[in-house]
């Protein structure tokens, strides 16, 4: 697999694009984490509710138990404190529920804010880069085998503009048929340049 073009200008653009894409991904990850932390901080109120509810429940339970021990009137006095203890438990449960809800919201917002831009960057940047790397690797292997020069020259004859071919040889097709090595290498160079691969010796 070949990551970068053999040609300086295109290689510079590829490196710049890679740096920019990775920087943008890092920036979106940072933003997602920042949003997550900001929203998650709201869970502090839920923690306070939970602590307050637990403390109130425990206090009312202790008071009710203490007053319940009073002879004759203890049972009647204890009932309101037991009810208050239940209210404290409900407040504690509400605090826990709020923390869970805020955590889910923070996670959803953080992931949502970061994920969509990152996916778009990967589609627009990583997919073309992978295609280039695979194609360049395959083309480089064909060039090294020594069997692909005439094939790439033929592809250049089929795909390049006539004006471009004429600059190499007025009768480029005839030169290819004759097996003119210089013309074939020049034609192959045109085709290979699109894949970012330089012919050996150029």
N, C-alpha and C. Protein backbone atom coordinates (compact mmCIF):
# COMPACT_ATOMS: atom_id res chain seq x y z
N UNK A 1 0.85 -1.19 0.00
CA UNK A 1 0.00 0.00 0.00
C UNK A 1 0.88 1.25 0.00
N UNK A 2 0.58 2.17 -0.87
CA UNK A 2 1.34 3.41 -1.00
C UNK A 2 0.48 4.57 -0.50
N UNK A 3 0.96 5.25 0.54
CA UNK A 3 0.15 6.30 1.15
C UNK A 3 0.21 7.62 0.40
N UNK A 4 1.38 7.93 -0.20
CA UNK A 4 1.55 9.24 -0.80
C UNK A 4 2.08 9.14 -2.23
N UNK A 5 1.76 10.15 -3.00
CA UNK A 5 2.19 10.22 -4.39
C UNK A 5 3.70 10.39 -4.48
N UNK A 6 4.27 9.92 -5.59
CA UNK A 6 5.69 10.13 -5.86
C UNK A 6 5.98 11.55 -6.31
N UNK A 7 4.94 12.30 -6.65
CA UNK A 7 5.10 13.64 -7.21
C UNK A 7 4.89 14.68 -6.11
N UNK A 8 5.88 15.57 -5.98
CA UNK A 8 5.91 16.54 -4.88
C UNK A 8 4.66 17.35 -4.65
N UNK A 9 4.12 18.03 -5.67
CA UNK A 9 2.94 18.87 -5.43
C UNK A 9 1.74 18.07 -4.90
N UNK A 10 1.48 16.91 -5.52
CA UNK A 10 0.35 16.12 -5.06
C UNK A 10 0.61 15.54 -3.67
N UNK A 11 1.85 15.12 -3.42
CA UNK A 11 2.20 14.60 -2.10
C UNK A 11 2.01 15.67 -1.03
N UNK A 12 2.38 16.90 -1.35
CA UNK A 12 2.21 18.00 -0.39
C UNK A 12 0.73 18.23 -0.10
N UNK A 13 -0.09 18.16 -1.14
CA UNK A 13 -1.54 18.33 -0.94
C UNK A 13 -2.10 17.19 -0.09
N UNK A 14 -1.63 15.98 -0.34
CA UNK A 14 -2.12 14.84 0.44
C UNK A 14 -1.73 14.96 1.91
N UNK A 15 -0.48 15.34 2.15
CA UNK A 15 -0.03 15.50 3.55
C UNK A 15 -0.81 16.61 4.24
N UNK A 16 -1.00 17.72 3.53
CA UNK A 16 -1.77 18.83 4.12
C UNK A 16 -3.20 18.39 4.41
N UNK A 17 -3.79 17.64 3.48
CA UNK A 17 -5.15 17.16 3.69
C UNK A 17 -5.25 16.21 4.88
N UNK A 18 -4.24 15.34 5.03
CA UNK A 18 -4.23 14.43 6.16
C UNK A 18 -4.14 15.18 7.49
N UNK A 19 -3.25 16.16 7.53
CA UNK A 19 -3.08 16.94 8.76
C UNK A 19 -4.37 17.69 9.09
N UNK A 20 -4.98 18.29 8.07
CA UNK A 20 -6.21 19.04 8.29
C UNK A 20 -7.34 18.13 8.77
N UNK A 21 -7.48 16.97 8.11
CA UNK A 21 -8.55 16.04 8.48
C UNK A 21 -8.37 15.54 9.92
N UNK A 22 -7.15 15.15 10.27
CA UNK A 22 -6.90 14.67 11.63
C UNK A 22 -7.11 15.78 12.66
N UNK A 23 -6.75 17.00 12.30
CA UNK A 23 -6.97 18.14 13.21
C UNK A 23 -8.46 18.38 13.43
N UNK A 24 -9.24 18.29 12.34
CA UNK A 24 -10.68 18.48 12.46
C UNK A 24 -11.32 17.38 13.29
N UNK A 25 -10.86 16.15 13.09
CA UNK A 25 -11.40 15.05 13.90
C UNK A 25 -11.09 15.29 15.37
N UNK A 26 -9.84 15.68 15.66
CA UNK A 26 -9.47 15.98 17.04
C UNK A 26 -10.30 17.10 17.63
N UNK A 27 -10.58 18.13 16.82
CA UNK A 27 -11.37 19.27 17.29
C UNK A 27 -12.80 18.85 17.61
N UNK A 28 -13.39 18.03 16.77
CA UNK A 28 -14.77 17.59 17.02
C UNK A 28 -14.84 16.66 18.22
N UNK A 29 -13.82 15.81 18.41
CA UNK A 29 -13.79 14.96 19.60
C UNK A 29 -13.70 15.84 20.85
N UNK A 30 -12.84 16.85 20.81
CA UNK A 30 -12.71 17.77 21.95
C UNK A 30 -14.03 18.47 22.23
N UNK A 31 -14.71 18.94 21.18
CA UNK A 31 -15.99 19.63 21.37
C UNK A 31 -17.03 18.69 21.97
N UNK A 32 -17.08 17.46 21.48
CA UNK A 32 -18.03 16.48 22.02
C UNK A 32 -17.77 16.21 23.50
N UNK A 33 -16.50 16.06 23.87
CA UNK A 33 -16.16 15.83 25.28
C UNK A 33 -16.49 17.05 26.13
N UNK A 34 -16.26 18.24 25.58
CA UNK A 34 -16.56 19.47 26.33
C UNK A 34 -18.06 19.59 26.60
N UNK A 35 -18.87 19.33 25.58
CA UNK A 35 -20.33 19.38 25.76
C UNK A 35 -20.77 18.33 26.77
N UNK A 36 -20.18 17.14 26.67
CA UNK A 36 -20.53 16.08 27.63
C UNK A 36 -20.24 16.53 29.06
N UNK A 37 -19.07 17.10 29.29
CA UNK A 37 -18.70 17.52 30.64
C UNK A 37 -19.59 18.65 31.15
N UNK A 38 -19.94 19.60 30.25
CA UNK A 38 -20.79 20.71 30.66
C UNK A 38 -22.17 20.22 31.08
N UNK A 39 -22.74 19.32 30.30
CA UNK A 39 -24.08 18.81 30.64
C UNK A 39 -24.00 17.90 31.86
N UNK A 40 -22.95 17.10 31.93
CA UNK A 40 -22.80 16.17 33.06
C UNK A 40 -22.69 16.92 34.39
N UNK A 41 -22.16 18.14 34.35
CA UNK A 41 -22.06 18.94 35.58
C UNK A 41 -23.43 19.26 36.17
N UNK A 42 -24.46 19.24 35.32
CA UNK A 42 -25.82 19.51 35.83
C UNK A 42 -26.30 18.40 36.75
N UNK A 43 -25.64 17.24 36.69
CA UNK A 43 -26.03 16.14 37.56
C UNK A 43 -25.74 16.45 39.02
N UNK A 44 -24.95 17.50 39.28
CA UNK A 44 -24.64 17.87 40.66
C UNK A 44 -25.89 18.17 41.48
N UNK A 45 -26.90 18.78 40.83
CA UNK A 45 -28.15 19.07 41.55
C UNK A 45 -28.85 17.76 41.93
N UNK A 46 -28.80 16.79 41.04
CA UNK A 46 -29.39 15.48 41.36
C UNK A 46 -28.67 14.79 42.50
N UNK A 47 -27.35 14.94 42.56
CA UNK A 47 -26.58 14.37 43.65
C UNK A 47 -26.97 15.02 44.98
N UNK A 48 -27.17 16.34 44.93
CA UNK A 48 -27.59 17.05 46.15
C UNK A 48 -28.97 16.58 46.60
N UNK A 49 -29.87 16.39 45.62
CA UNK A 49 -31.21 15.89 45.95
C UNK A 49 -31.13 14.51 46.59
N UNK A 50 -30.29 13.65 46.00
CA UNK A 50 -30.15 12.30 46.54
C UNK A 50 -29.62 12.32 47.96
N UNK A 51 -28.57 13.13 48.18
CA UNK A 51 -27.98 13.22 49.52
C UNK A 51 -28.97 13.80 50.53
N UNK A 52 -29.68 14.86 50.08
CA UNK A 52 -30.66 15.49 50.98
C UNK A 52 -31.79 14.51 51.31
N UNK A 53 -32.27 13.79 50.30
CA UNK A 53 -33.35 12.82 50.54
C UNK A 53 -32.91 11.70 51.44
N UNK A 54 -31.68 11.20 51.24
CA UNK A 54 -31.18 10.11 52.08
C UNK A 54 -31.00 10.60 53.51
N UNK A 55 -30.46 11.81 53.67
CA UNK A 55 -30.27 12.35 55.02
C UNK A 55 -31.58 12.58 55.73
N UNK A 56 -32.57 13.13 54.99
CA UNK A 56 -33.88 13.39 55.59
C UNK A 56 -34.56 12.08 55.96
N UNK A 57 -34.44 11.08 55.07
CA UNK A 57 -35.06 9.78 55.35
C UNK A 57 -34.46 9.16 56.61
N UNK A 58 -33.14 9.22 56.70
CA UNK A 58 -32.48 8.63 57.87
C UNK A 58 -32.86 9.37 59.15
N UNK A 59 -32.90 10.71 59.10
CA UNK A 59 -33.25 11.50 60.29
C UNK A 59 -34.67 11.20 60.75
N UNK A 60 -35.62 11.20 59.79
CA UNK A 60 -37.01 10.94 60.16
C UNK A 60 -37.19 9.53 60.70
N UNK A 61 -36.43 8.59 60.14
CA UNK A 61 -36.53 7.22 60.62
C UNK A 61 -36.02 7.12 62.06
N UNK A 62 -34.90 7.80 62.32
CA UNK A 62 -34.33 7.77 63.68
C UNK A 62 -35.26 8.46 64.68
N UNK A 63 -35.81 9.62 64.28
CA UNK A 63 -36.74 10.33 65.19
C UNK A 63 -37.99 9.50 65.45
N UNK A 64 -38.51 8.91 64.37
CA UNK A 64 -39.70 8.07 64.53
C UNK A 64 -39.44 6.89 65.43
N UNK A 65 -38.26 6.29 65.28
CA UNK A 65 -37.92 5.15 66.13
C UNK A 65 -37.79 5.58 67.59
N UNK A 66 -37.18 6.77 67.78
CA UNK A 66 -37.00 7.25 69.16
C UNK A 66 -38.34 7.57 69.80
N UNK A 67 -39.20 8.26 69.05
CA UNK A 67 -40.51 8.63 69.62
C UNK A 67 -41.44 7.43 69.72
N UNK A 68 -41.21 6.47 68.86
CA UNK A 68 -42.07 5.28 68.92
C UNK A 68 -41.90 4.50 70.21
N UNK A 69 -40.81 4.73 70.88
CA UNK A 69 -40.58 4.01 72.13
C UNK A 69 -41.28 4.61 73.32
N UNK A 70 -41.94 5.75 73.15
CA UNK A 70 -42.65 6.39 74.26
C UNK A 70 -43.91 5.58 74.56
N UNK A 71 -44.10 5.22 75.79
CA UNK A 71 -45.28 4.41 76.14
C UNK A 71 -46.60 5.14 75.80
N UNK A 72 -47.58 4.39 75.41
CA UNK A 72 -48.95 4.80 75.13
C UNK A 72 -49.09 5.66 73.86
N UNK A 73 -48.30 6.71 73.72
CA UNK A 73 -48.49 7.63 72.59
C UNK A 73 -47.46 7.44 71.48
N UNK A 74 -46.50 6.54 71.72
CA UNK A 74 -45.40 6.37 70.76
C UNK A 74 -45.87 5.99 69.37
N UNK A 75 -46.82 5.06 69.28
CA UNK A 75 -47.29 4.61 67.97
C UNK A 75 -47.93 5.72 67.17
N UNK A 76 -48.71 6.55 67.82
CA UNK A 76 -49.37 7.63 67.11
C UNK A 76 -48.41 8.72 66.67
N UNK A 77 -47.41 8.98 67.51
CA UNK A 77 -46.45 10.02 67.16
C UNK A 77 -45.54 9.57 66.02
N UNK A 78 -45.24 8.28 65.96
CA UNK A 78 -44.28 7.76 64.99
C UNK A 78 -44.81 7.83 63.55
N UNK A 79 -46.10 7.69 63.37
CA UNK A 79 -46.67 7.59 62.01
C UNK A 79 -46.30 8.78 61.12
N UNK A 80 -46.43 10.04 61.55
CA UNK A 80 -46.06 11.16 60.67
C UNK A 80 -44.58 11.14 60.26
N UNK A 81 -43.74 10.69 61.20
CA UNK A 81 -42.30 10.64 60.88
C UNK A 81 -41.99 9.53 59.88
N UNK A 82 -42.73 8.45 59.99
CA UNK A 82 -42.56 7.38 58.99
C UNK A 82 -42.98 7.86 57.61
N UNK A 83 -44.07 8.64 57.54
CA UNK A 83 -44.51 9.20 56.26
C UNK A 83 -43.46 10.16 55.70
N UNK A 84 -42.90 10.97 56.61
CA UNK A 84 -41.86 11.92 56.18
C UNK A 84 -40.62 11.17 55.69
N UNK A 85 -40.33 10.05 56.35
CA UNK A 85 -39.20 9.23 55.92
C UNK A 85 -39.41 8.70 54.51
N UNK A 86 -40.66 8.32 54.21
CA UNK A 86 -40.99 7.87 52.85
C UNK A 86 -40.81 8.98 51.83
N UNK A 87 -41.17 10.22 52.22
CA UNK A 87 -40.98 11.36 51.32
C UNK A 87 -39.49 11.58 51.05
N UNK A 88 -38.66 11.38 52.08
CA UNK A 88 -37.22 11.51 51.90
C UNK A 88 -36.70 10.46 50.92
N UNK A 89 -37.23 9.24 51.03
CA UNK A 89 -36.84 8.19 50.09
C UNK A 89 -37.23 8.52 48.66
N UNK A 90 -38.42 9.12 48.52
CA UNK A 90 -38.86 9.52 47.18
C UNK A 90 -37.96 10.60 46.60
N UNK A 91 -37.54 11.54 47.47
CA UNK A 91 -36.63 12.61 47.03
C UNK A 91 -35.29 12.02 46.62
N UNK A 92 -34.82 11.03 47.37
CA UNK A 92 -33.55 10.36 47.03
C UNK A 92 -33.67 9.66 45.68
N UNK A 93 -34.78 8.96 45.45
CA UNK A 93 -34.98 8.27 44.17
C UNK A 93 -35.07 9.25 43.01
N UNK A 94 -35.73 10.40 43.27
CA UNK A 94 -35.83 11.42 42.22
C UNK A 94 -34.45 11.96 41.86
N UNK A 95 -33.60 12.16 42.86
CA UNK A 95 -32.24 12.63 42.60
C UNK A 95 -31.46 11.64 41.77
N UNK A 96 -31.61 10.34 42.08
CA UNK A 96 -30.93 9.31 41.30
C UNK A 96 -31.43 9.28 39.86
N UNK A 97 -32.75 9.40 39.70
CA UNK A 97 -33.32 9.39 38.34
C UNK A 97 -32.83 10.58 37.53
N UNK A 98 -32.74 11.74 38.20
CA UNK A 98 -32.26 12.92 37.49
C UNK A 98 -30.82 12.74 37.04
N UNK A 99 -29.98 12.14 37.87
CA UNK A 99 -28.59 11.90 37.49
C UNK A 99 -28.50 10.97 36.29
N UNK A 100 -29.31 9.94 36.28
CA UNK A 100 -29.30 9.00 35.14
C UNK A 100 -29.73 9.70 33.87
N UNK A 101 -30.80 10.51 33.98
CA UNK A 101 -31.31 11.21 32.80
C UNK A 101 -30.28 12.20 32.26
N UNK A 102 -29.63 12.92 33.15
CA UNK A 102 -28.63 13.90 32.72
C UNK A 102 -27.43 13.19 32.10
N UNK A 103 -27.03 12.06 32.68
CA UNK A 103 -25.91 11.30 32.12
C UNK A 103 -26.23 10.82 30.70
N UNK A 104 -27.45 10.33 30.51
CA UNK A 104 -27.87 9.89 29.17
C UNK A 104 -27.91 11.06 28.19
N UNK A 105 -28.42 12.20 28.65
CA UNK A 105 -28.47 13.39 27.80
C UNK A 105 -27.06 13.85 27.44
N UNK A 106 -26.17 13.88 28.43
CA UNK A 106 -24.79 14.31 28.18
C UNK A 106 -24.10 13.39 27.18
N UNK A 107 -24.30 12.08 27.35
CA UNK A 107 -23.69 11.12 26.44
C UNK A 107 -24.24 11.28 25.03
N UNK A 108 -25.57 11.41 24.92
CA UNK A 108 -26.19 11.56 23.61
C UNK A 108 -25.73 12.82 22.89
N UNK A 109 -25.69 13.93 23.62
CA UNK A 109 -25.26 15.20 23.01
C UNK A 109 -23.78 15.14 22.61
N UNK A 110 -22.96 14.62 23.51
CA UNK A 110 -21.53 14.56 23.23
C UNK A 110 -21.21 13.70 22.02
N UNK A 111 -21.82 12.52 21.98
CA UNK A 111 -21.58 11.62 20.85
C UNK A 111 -22.20 12.18 19.57
N UNK A 112 -23.42 12.73 19.70
CA UNK A 112 -24.09 13.26 18.52
C UNK A 112 -23.36 14.44 17.89
N UNK A 113 -22.85 15.32 18.73
CA UNK A 113 -22.14 16.49 18.21
C UNK A 113 -20.85 16.08 17.51
N UNK A 114 -20.16 15.07 18.04
CA UNK A 114 -18.87 14.67 17.46
C UNK A 114 -19.01 13.68 16.32
N UNK A 115 -19.99 12.77 16.42
CA UNK A 115 -20.04 11.64 15.49
C UNK A 115 -20.33 12.05 14.05
N UNK A 116 -21.37 12.87 13.83
CA UNK A 116 -21.77 13.20 12.46
C UNK A 116 -20.67 13.91 11.68
N UNK A 117 -20.04 14.95 12.23
CA UNK A 117 -18.94 15.59 11.49
C UNK A 117 -17.78 14.64 11.24
N UNK A 118 -17.47 13.79 12.22
CA UNK A 118 -16.36 12.85 12.04
C UNK A 118 -16.67 11.85 10.94
N UNK A 119 -17.89 11.36 10.91
CA UNK A 119 -18.28 10.43 9.84
C UNK A 119 -18.17 11.10 8.48
N UNK A 120 -18.62 12.35 8.38
CA UNK A 120 -18.52 13.08 7.11
C UNK A 120 -17.07 13.27 6.69
N UNK A 121 -16.21 13.60 7.67
CA UNK A 121 -14.79 13.76 7.35
C UNK A 121 -14.20 12.45 6.86
N UNK A 122 -14.55 11.35 7.52
CA UNK A 122 -14.02 10.05 7.10
C UNK A 122 -14.48 9.68 5.70
N UNK A 123 -15.75 9.99 5.38
CA UNK A 123 -16.27 9.67 4.05
C UNK A 123 -15.57 10.51 2.98
N UNK A 124 -15.42 11.81 3.26
CA UNK A 124 -14.85 12.72 2.27
C UNK A 124 -13.33 12.65 2.18
N UNK A 125 -12.68 12.19 3.27
CA UNK A 125 -11.21 12.18 3.27
C UNK A 125 -10.63 10.77 3.28
N UNK A 126 -11.05 9.94 4.22
CA UNK A 126 -10.41 8.65 4.40
C UNK A 126 -10.70 7.69 3.25
N UNK A 127 -11.94 7.67 2.78
CA UNK A 127 -12.29 6.75 1.69
C UNK A 127 -11.47 7.02 0.43
N UNK A 128 -11.40 8.28 -0.04
CA UNK A 128 -10.53 8.55 -1.21
C UNK A 128 -9.06 8.23 -0.95
N UNK A 129 -8.59 8.48 0.28
CA UNK A 129 -7.18 8.19 0.58
C UNK A 129 -6.91 6.69 0.52
N UNK A 130 -7.87 5.88 1.01
CA UNK A 130 -7.71 4.43 0.95
C UNK A 130 -7.72 3.95 -0.50
N UNK A 131 -8.62 4.52 -1.30
CA UNK A 131 -8.67 4.15 -2.71
C UNK A 131 -7.35 4.49 -3.41
N UNK A 132 -6.84 5.69 -3.13
CA UNK A 132 -5.56 6.08 -3.75
C UNK A 132 -4.46 5.12 -3.33
N UNK A 133 -4.38 4.82 -2.03
CA UNK A 133 -3.31 3.97 -1.52
C UNK A 133 -3.36 2.58 -2.15
N UNK A 134 -4.54 2.02 -2.27
CA UNK A 134 -4.67 0.69 -2.86
C UNK A 134 -4.31 0.71 -4.34
N UNK A 135 -4.83 1.70 -5.06
CA UNK A 135 -4.56 1.78 -6.49
C UNK A 135 -3.07 2.02 -6.75
N UNK A 136 -2.48 2.95 -5.99
CA UNK A 136 -1.07 3.25 -6.17
C UNK A 136 -0.21 2.03 -5.86
N UNK A 137 -0.58 1.28 -4.84
CA UNK A 137 0.17 0.07 -4.49
C UNK A 137 0.10 -0.96 -5.59
N UNK A 138 -1.09 -1.14 -6.17
CA UNK A 138 -1.25 -2.11 -7.25
C UNK A 138 -0.48 -1.68 -8.49
N UNK A 139 -0.56 -0.39 -8.81
CA UNK A 139 0.15 0.12 -9.98
C UNK A 139 1.66 0.01 -9.79
N UNK A 140 2.13 0.33 -8.59
CA UNK A 140 3.56 0.24 -8.31
C UNK A 140 4.06 -1.20 -8.47
N UNK A 141 3.25 -2.15 -7.99
CA UNK A 141 3.64 -3.56 -8.12
C UNK A 141 3.70 -3.96 -9.59
N UNK A 142 2.76 -3.47 -10.40
CA UNK A 142 2.76 -3.78 -11.83
C UNK A 142 3.98 -3.19 -12.52
N UNK A 143 4.34 -1.96 -12.14
CA UNK A 143 5.52 -1.31 -12.74
C UNK A 143 6.79 -2.06 -12.37
N UNK A 144 6.89 -2.50 -11.11
CA UNK A 144 8.09 -3.21 -10.68
C UNK A 144 8.22 -4.55 -11.39
N UNK A 145 7.09 -5.14 -11.76
CA UNK A 145 7.14 -6.43 -12.46
C UNK A 145 7.71 -6.28 -13.87
N UNK A 146 7.69 -5.04 -14.40
CA UNK A 146 8.24 -4.78 -15.73
C UNK A 146 7.30 -5.14 -16.86
N UNK A 147 6.12 -5.64 -16.53
CA UNK A 147 5.21 -6.09 -17.58
C UNK A 147 4.11 -5.07 -17.87
N UNK A 148 4.13 -3.93 -17.18
CA UNK A 148 2.99 -3.05 -17.32
C UNK A 148 3.21 -1.81 -18.15
N UNK A 149 4.44 -1.53 -18.63
CA UNK A 149 4.73 -0.29 -19.34
C UNK A 149 3.88 -0.16 -20.60
N UNK A 150 3.86 -1.22 -21.42
CA UNK A 150 3.09 -1.14 -22.66
C UNK A 150 1.59 -1.04 -22.39
N UNK A 151 1.14 -1.70 -21.33
CA UNK A 151 -0.28 -1.64 -20.98
C UNK A 151 -0.66 -0.22 -20.54
N UNK A 152 0.16 0.39 -19.69
CA UNK A 152 -0.13 1.74 -19.25
C UNK A 152 -0.03 2.74 -20.40
N UNK A 153 0.89 2.49 -21.32
CA UNK A 153 1.00 3.35 -22.50
C UNK A 153 -0.27 3.23 -23.34
N UNK A 154 -0.79 2.03 -23.47
CA UNK A 154 -2.03 1.83 -24.23
C UNK A 154 -3.20 2.52 -23.54
N UNK A 155 -3.25 2.45 -22.22
CA UNK A 155 -4.31 3.13 -21.49
C UNK A 155 -4.22 4.63 -21.68
N UNK A 156 -2.99 5.15 -21.74
CA UNK A 156 -2.82 6.58 -21.97
C UNK A 156 -3.36 6.97 -23.34
N UNK A 157 -3.11 6.13 -24.34
CA UNK A 157 -3.64 6.40 -25.68
C UNK A 157 -5.16 6.45 -25.68
N UNK A 158 -5.77 5.65 -24.80
CA UNK A 158 -7.23 5.58 -24.77
C UNK A 158 -7.86 6.68 -23.92
N UNK A 159 -7.11 7.22 -22.96
CA UNK A 159 -7.73 8.14 -22.00
C UNK A 159 -7.24 9.58 -22.09
N UNK A 160 -6.03 9.80 -22.61
CA UNK A 160 -5.48 11.15 -22.62
C UNK A 160 -5.99 11.96 -23.81
N UNK A 161 -5.94 13.29 -23.64
CA UNK A 161 -6.35 14.18 -24.73
C UNK A 161 -5.39 14.06 -25.92
N UNK A 162 -5.95 14.23 -27.12
CA UNK A 162 -5.13 14.13 -28.34
C UNK A 162 -4.01 15.17 -28.32
N UNK A 163 -4.31 16.37 -27.85
CA UNK A 163 -3.28 17.41 -27.81
C UNK A 163 -2.13 17.03 -26.88
N UNK A 164 -2.47 16.35 -25.79
CA UNK A 164 -1.42 15.91 -24.86
C UNK A 164 -0.56 14.83 -25.49
N UNK A 165 -1.21 13.90 -26.20
CA UNK A 165 -0.48 12.82 -26.86
C UNK A 165 0.42 13.36 -27.97
N UNK A 166 -0.06 14.39 -28.67
CA UNK A 166 0.71 14.95 -29.78
C UNK A 166 2.00 15.60 -29.30
N UNK A 167 2.02 16.09 -28.06
CA UNK A 167 3.24 16.69 -27.52
C UNK A 167 4.33 15.64 -27.33
N UNK A 168 3.91 14.41 -27.11
CA UNK A 168 4.89 13.33 -26.94
C UNK A 168 5.39 12.84 -28.30
N UNK A 169 4.43 12.62 -29.21
CA UNK A 169 4.79 12.17 -30.56
C UNK A 169 3.60 12.45 -31.46
N UNK A 170 3.84 13.05 -32.63
CA UNK A 170 2.72 13.33 -33.55
C UNK A 170 1.95 12.06 -33.93
N UNK A 171 2.65 10.94 -33.99
CA UNK A 171 2.01 9.66 -34.30
C UNK A 171 2.24 8.72 -33.12
N UNK A 172 1.61 9.06 -31.98
CA UNK A 172 1.82 8.28 -30.77
C UNK A 172 1.36 6.84 -30.92
N UNK A 173 0.25 6.64 -31.62
CA UNK A 173 -0.27 5.28 -31.82
C UNK A 173 0.72 4.46 -32.63
N UNK A 174 1.24 5.06 -33.70
CA UNK A 174 2.21 4.35 -34.53
C UNK A 174 3.47 4.02 -33.73
N UNK A 175 3.90 4.97 -32.90
CA UNK A 175 5.10 4.72 -32.09
C UNK A 175 4.85 3.59 -31.10
N UNK A 176 3.64 3.52 -30.57
CA UNK A 176 3.31 2.43 -29.64
C UNK A 176 3.32 1.10 -30.37
N UNK A 177 2.77 1.08 -31.60
CA UNK A 177 2.75 -0.16 -32.38
C UNK A 177 4.16 -0.61 -32.74
N UNK A 178 5.04 0.35 -32.99
CA UNK A 178 6.42 0.00 -33.32
C UNK A 178 7.22 -0.42 -32.10
N UNK A 179 6.66 -0.17 -30.92
CA UNK A 179 7.36 -0.50 -29.69
C UNK A 179 8.44 0.49 -29.34
N UNK A 180 8.24 1.75 -29.74
CA UNK A 180 9.21 2.80 -29.43
C UNK A 180 9.25 2.98 -27.91
N UNK A 181 10.36 2.55 -27.29
CA UNK A 181 10.43 2.52 -25.83
C UNK A 181 10.32 3.91 -25.21
N UNK A 182 10.95 4.91 -25.83
CA UNK A 182 10.91 6.26 -25.27
C UNK A 182 9.48 6.80 -25.27
N UNK A 183 8.77 6.62 -26.38
CA UNK A 183 7.38 7.08 -26.46
C UNK A 183 6.50 6.31 -25.50
N UNK A 184 6.72 4.99 -25.42
CA UNK A 184 5.89 4.17 -24.52
C UNK A 184 6.10 4.58 -23.06
N UNK A 185 7.33 4.88 -22.69
CA UNK A 185 7.60 5.31 -21.32
C UNK A 185 6.96 6.67 -21.03
N UNK A 186 7.00 7.54 -22.03
CA UNK A 186 6.38 8.86 -21.86
C UNK A 186 4.87 8.73 -21.72
N UNK A 187 4.28 7.85 -22.53
CA UNK A 187 2.83 7.62 -22.44
C UNK A 187 2.47 6.97 -21.10
N UNK A 188 3.27 5.99 -20.71
CA UNK A 188 3.01 5.31 -19.44
C UNK A 188 3.14 6.30 -18.27
N UNK A 189 4.11 7.22 -18.39
CA UNK A 189 4.28 8.24 -17.34
C UNK A 189 3.02 9.08 -17.18
N UNK A 190 2.40 9.45 -18.30
CA UNK A 190 1.16 10.22 -18.24
C UNK A 190 0.08 9.47 -17.47
N UNK A 191 -0.05 8.20 -17.78
CA UNK A 191 -1.09 7.41 -17.13
C UNK A 191 -0.77 7.16 -15.66
N UNK A 192 0.48 6.85 -15.39
CA UNK A 192 0.87 6.53 -14.01
C UNK A 192 0.81 7.75 -13.09
N UNK A 193 1.00 8.91 -13.66
CA UNK A 193 0.97 10.13 -12.84
C UNK A 193 -0.38 10.29 -12.14
N UNK A 194 -1.46 9.83 -12.80
CA UNK A 194 -2.78 9.91 -12.18
C UNK A 194 -2.86 9.02 -10.94
N UNK A 195 -2.03 7.96 -10.91
CA UNK A 195 -2.02 7.06 -9.75
C UNK A 195 -0.95 7.44 -8.75
N UNK A 196 -0.19 8.51 -9.03
CA UNK A 196 0.84 8.96 -8.10
C UNK A 196 2.09 8.12 -8.11
N UNK A 197 2.32 7.39 -9.22
CA UNK A 197 3.48 6.49 -9.31
C UNK A 197 4.42 7.00 -10.39
N UNK A 198 5.70 7.11 -10.06
CA UNK A 198 6.70 7.58 -11.02
C UNK A 198 7.39 6.38 -11.65
N UNK A 199 7.59 6.48 -12.94
CA UNK A 199 8.32 5.42 -13.65
C UNK A 199 9.77 5.38 -13.16
N UNK A 200 10.36 4.20 -12.99
CA UNK A 200 11.77 4.12 -12.60
C UNK A 200 12.64 4.83 -13.64
N UNK A 201 13.60 5.60 -13.15
CA UNK A 201 14.52 6.27 -14.04
C UNK A 201 14.09 7.65 -14.45
N UNK A 202 12.85 8.09 -14.00
CA UNK A 202 12.38 9.43 -14.36
C UNK A 202 12.60 10.35 -13.17
